[in-house]
Amino acid sequence: MKPSVELEMPGTQIPGAKKKIGARSNYYVIISVWALFIVLSGFALTYFQPLIKGGASFRPLVHLHGFLYFLWMIMFIAQPLLVRLGYTHLHKKIGVAGLVLAGLMIIVGVVASITGAKLNSPTLIVGGYTAKQFLIVPMTDMFLLTTFFIAVLLNLKNSQSHKRLIVLMTLSVLPAAVGRVTGIFGITNIFLGLLIQHGILYSGIIYDLIKTKRVHPVYLWGGLLLVVVHLMRFPLGASAWWAAVANWLVD
């Protein structure tokens, strides 16, 4: 077996790092920072500022929910950075923890959403929708997150599909932050809001076209599912069908 090659830099040596890391793209690092920026922009005034000032009265479940999802965003940045630097072995180890985290996110996300609807949380009374009607938004987020999570589990050995599915998982949990961003800037046009929400998806499609001259299948079926669900859920939220589902979930 050949000895592993270590990257040597002037005056330093990074154990375990592969030599040709410069050939790797920064794209996934960039979009992970982009996603974190959206989250920080959306929750700076509504969560982090009250928390820092000590005036927050959030339920413990809300703190747990926020912690898990923020931890996901940190891992979303750390993982492509580790790959970029050549630490693929550590990337895989952290990835196992990420799968456990994703499972917890789904469970806590569903519980927090239903609990919020039961308590008529102000965060679920948006745009003229009642809490039960708006419940369709976080619940469909959890549907998308679960769908892409299952796909990730089925593609653990397919790195090209795997990393794009992780992107779609992250896009599944961004609407709460995007909604707050649009509120801060007074953006009422739903299509402009969706453009902000799906910007990372569109950038991924463009990146694929530039790099491989084709769109990866994950972005075709997964991206289409994401967009269709985001477009359909607001009309469905006011339907009699969803009213029956929401009553079953909440009452």
Foldseek 3Di string as FASTA:
>chain_A
DDDADWDDDVVDTDPQFHHPLVVDDCLQLVVLVVLVVLQCLLCVPPPVVCVVVVNDDDDPLVVVLVVLLVVLSVLSNVLVVCVSRRVVVVSVVVVVVVLVSLVVNLVSLLVVLLVCLLVQPPLQCPDNATSLLSSLLSVVLSVLLVVLSVVLVVCVVPVVLNNVSSVLNSLSPSPSSLVSNCVVVVNDDLVVSVCSSCVSLVVQQVVCCVPPVHGDVCSVVSVVVVVVSSVPSNVVSPDPVSVVVSVVSHD
